[in-house]
Amino acid sequence: MQRDAHKGSIHEERTMFSWLKTGLTKWVQRYQEKRFERLLQENRRLKAQWQELNGGQPIRLSLDERSQLAAKRQELDPQVLQALDAIDLEESE
């Protein structure tokens, strides 16, 4: 009889842990999505502001800046880059 009670408590602990893990995972995902959306909006705002100040001309990067961004770009998911409307590194000066 005591053995069944012990198994029940282990099962309850696993269920509680699973519930906590799921809740925490969802919270982290929502936090990341909100942060991503804020960064995306800031990126668009700064890009528009730069173009306004620069007479509508696109952002020009030096070869060093271009290579630094290309290295960082390798670490990112292509879908994330597309969503960010990132600077086109293939564009020539």
C-alpha atoms as a PDB file:
ATOM      1  CA  MET A   1       0.000   0.000   0.000  1.00  0.00           C
ATOM      2  CA  GLN A   2       2.799   2.371   0.847  1.00  0.00           C
ATOM      3  CA  ARG A   3       4.442   1.673  -2.484  1.00  0.00           C
ATOM      4  CA  ASP A   4       1.353   2.864  -4.439  1.00  0.00           C
ATOM      5  CA  ALA A   5       1.258   6.098  -2.465  1.00  0.00           C
ATOM      6  CA  HIS A   6       4.917   6.687  -3.268  1.00  0.00           C
ATOM      7  CA  LYS A   7       4.353   6.084  -6.989  1.00  0.00           C
ATOM      8  CA  GLY A   8       1.465   8.510  -6.941  1.00  0.00           C
ATOM      9  CA  SER A   9       3.594  11.262  -5.477  1.00  0.00           C
ATOM     10  CA  ILE A  10       6.346  10.700  -8.053  1.00  0.00           C
ATOM     11  CA  HIS A  11       3.766  10.846 -10.821  1.00  0.00           C
ATOM     12  CA  GLU A  12       2.329  14.042  -9.343  1.00  0.00           C
ATOM     13  CA  GLU A  13       5.819  15.570  -9.150  1.00  0.00           C
ATOM     14  CA  ARG A  14       6.524  14.670 -12.781  1.00  0.00           C
ATOM     15  CA  THR A  15       3.185  16.126 -13.837  1.00  0.00           C
ATOM     16  CA  MET A  16       3.856  19.301 -11.880  1.00  0.00           C
ATOM     17  CA  PHE A  17       7.362  19.595 -13.319  1.00  0.00           C
ATOM     18  CA  SER A  18       6.029  19.033 -16.833  1.00  0.00           C
ATOM     19  CA  TRP A  19       3.374  21.694 -16.301  1.00  0.00           C
ATOM     20  CA  LEU A  20       5.975  24.138 -14.928  1.00  0.00           C
ATOM     21  CA  LYS A  21       8.382  23.414 -17.784  1.00  0.00           C
ATOM     22  CA  THR A  22       5.641  23.956 -20.392  1.00  0.00           C
ATOM     23  CA  GLY A  23       4.525  27.197 -18.767  1.00  0.00           C
ATOM     24  CA  LEU A  24       8.058  28.529 -18.508  1.00  0.00           C
ATOM     25  CA  THR A  25       8.824  27.601 -22.115  1.00  0.00           C
ATOM     26  CA  LYS A  26       5.711  29.420 -23.349  1.00  0.00           C
ATOM     27  CA  TRP A  27       6.550  32.493 -21.267  1.00  0.00           C
ATOM     28  CA  VAL A  28      10.114  32.627 -22.631  1.00  0.00           C
ATOM     29  CA  GLN A  29       8.826  32.245 -26.189  1.00  0.00           C
ATOM     30  CA  ARG A  30       6.308  35.085 -25.749  1.00  0.00           C
ATOM     31  CA  TYR A  31       9.022  37.285 -24.200  1.00  0.00           C
ATOM     32  CA  GLN A  32      11.369  36.595 -27.125  1.00  0.00           C
ATOM     33  CA  GLU A  33       8.630  37.287 -29.671  1.00  0.00           C
ATOM     34  CA  LYS A  34       7.800  40.628 -28.034  1.00  0.00           C
ATOM     35  CA  ARG A  35      11.488  41.579 -27.861  1.00  0.00           C
ATOM     36  CA  PHE A  36      11.971  40.586 -31.502  1.00  0.00           C
ATOM     37  CA  GLU A  37       8.976  42.702 -32.535  1.00  0.00           C
ATOM     38  CA  ARG A  38      10.334  45.734 -30.632  1.00  0.00           C
ATOM     39  CA  LEU A  39      13.752  45.313 -32.260  1.00  0.00           C
ATOM     40  CA  LEU A  40      12.138  44.968 -35.679  1.00  0.00           C
ATOM     41  CA  GLN A  41      10.177  48.197 -35.174  1.00  0.00           C
ATOM     42  CA  GLU A  42      13.301  50.000 -33.951  1.00  0.00           C
ATOM     43  CA  ASN A  43      15.264  48.739 -36.953  1.00  0.00           C
ATOM     44  CA  ARG A  44      12.622  50.059 -39.352  1.00  0.00           C
ATOM     45  CA  ARG A  45      12.438  53.398 -37.546  1.00  0.00           C
ATOM     46  CA  LEU A  46      16.204  53.886 -37.593  1.00  0.00           C
ATOM     47  CA  LYS A  47      16.442  52.836 -41.240  1.00  0.00           C
ATOM     48  CA  ALA A  48      13.745  55.362 -42.226  1.00  0.00           C
ATOM     49  CA  GLN A  49      15.402  58.060 -40.122  1.00  0.00           C
ATOM     50  CA  TRP A  50      18.789  57.365 -41.736  1.00  0.00           C
ATOM     51  CA  GLN A  51      17.338  57.533 -45.239  1.00  0.00           C
ATOM     52  CA  GLU A  52      15.562  60.789 -44.418  1.00  0.00           C
ATOM     53  CA  LEU A  53      18.771  62.350 -43.114  1.00  0.00           C
ATOM     54  CA  ASN A  54      20.753  60.966 -46.036  1.00  0.00           C
ATOM     55  CA  GLY A  55      18.477  62.313 -48.769  1.00  0.00           C
ATOM     56  CA  GLY A  56      16.862  58.943 -49.449  1.00  0.00           C
ATOM     57  CA  GLN A  57      20.182  57.291 -50.246  1.00  0.00           C
ATOM     58  CA  PRO A  58      20.713  53.715 -49.051  1.00  0.00           C
ATOM     59  CA  ILE A  59      23.111  52.954 -46.232  1.00  0.00           C
ATOM     60  CA  ARG A  60      26.670  52.545 -47.528  1.00  0.00           C
ATOM     61  CA  LEU A  61      29.047  50.303 -45.644  1.00  0.00           C
ATOM     62  CA  SER A  62      32.810  50.070 -45.819  1.00  0.00           C
ATOM     63  CA  LEU A  63      34.397  46.738 -46.741  1.00  0.00           C
ATOM     64  CA  ASP A  64      35.360  46.193 -43.081  1.00  0.00           C
ATOM     65  CA  GLU A  65      31.811  46.889 -41.870  1.00  0.00           C
ATOM     66  CA  ARG A  66      30.474  44.599 -44.591  1.00  0.00           C
ATOM     67  CA  SER A  67      32.735  41.714 -43.548  1.00  0.00           C
ATOM     68  CA  GLN A  68      31.866  42.175 -39.852  1.00  0.00           C
ATOM     69  CA  LEU A  69      28.138  42.022 -40.646  1.00  0.00           C
ATOM     70  CA  ALA A  70      28.632  39.014 -42.917  1.00  0.00           C
ATOM     71  CA  ALA A  71      30.340  37.144 -40.071  1.00  0.00           C
ATOM     72  CA  LYS A  72      27.465  37.956 -37.709  1.00  0.00           C
ATOM     73  CA  ARG A  73      24.941  37.075 -40.387  1.00  0.00           C
ATOM     74  CA  GLN A  74      26.246  33.489 -40.516  1.00  0.00           C
ATOM     75  CA  GLU A  75      25.004  32.977 -36.936  1.00  0.00           C
ATOM     76  CA  LEU A  76      21.408  34.001 -37.735  1.00  0.00           C
ATOM     77  CA  ASP A  77      18.539  32.049 -39.224  1.00  0.00           C
ATOM     78  CA  PRO A  78      17.808  33.276 -42.797  1.00  0.00           C
ATOM     79  CA  GLN A  79      14.113  33.651 -41.944  1.00  0.00           C
ATOM     80  CA  VAL A  80      15.026  35.995 -39.088  1.00  0.00           C
ATOM     81  CA  LEU A  81      17.161  38.101 -41.422  1.00  0.00           C
ATOM     82  CA  GLN A  82      14.334  38.301 -43.941  1.00  0.00           C
ATOM     83  CA  ALA A  83      11.892  39.344 -41.230  1.00  0.00           C
ATOM     84  CA  LEU A  84      14.263  42.056 -40.073  1.00  0.00           C
ATOM     85  CA  ASP A  85      14.475  43.468 -43.571  1.00  0.00           C
ATOM     86  CA  ALA A  86      18.214  43.497 -42.980  1.00  0.00           C
ATOM     87  CA  ILE A  87      20.760  45.413 -45.012  1.00  0.00           C
ATOM     88  CA  ASP A  88      21.602  43.585 -48.233  1.00  0.00           C
ATOM     89  CA  LEU A  89      25.260  42.657 -47.846  1.00  0.00           C
ATOM     90  CA  GLU A  90      25.554  41.676 -51.515  1.00  0.00           C
ATOM     91  CA  GLU A  91      24.765  45.214 -52.654  1.00  0.00           C
ATOM     92  CA  SER A  92      27.938  46.795 -54.038  1.00  0.00           C
ATOM     93  CA  GLU A  93      29.038  50.286 -53.160  1.00  0.00           C
END
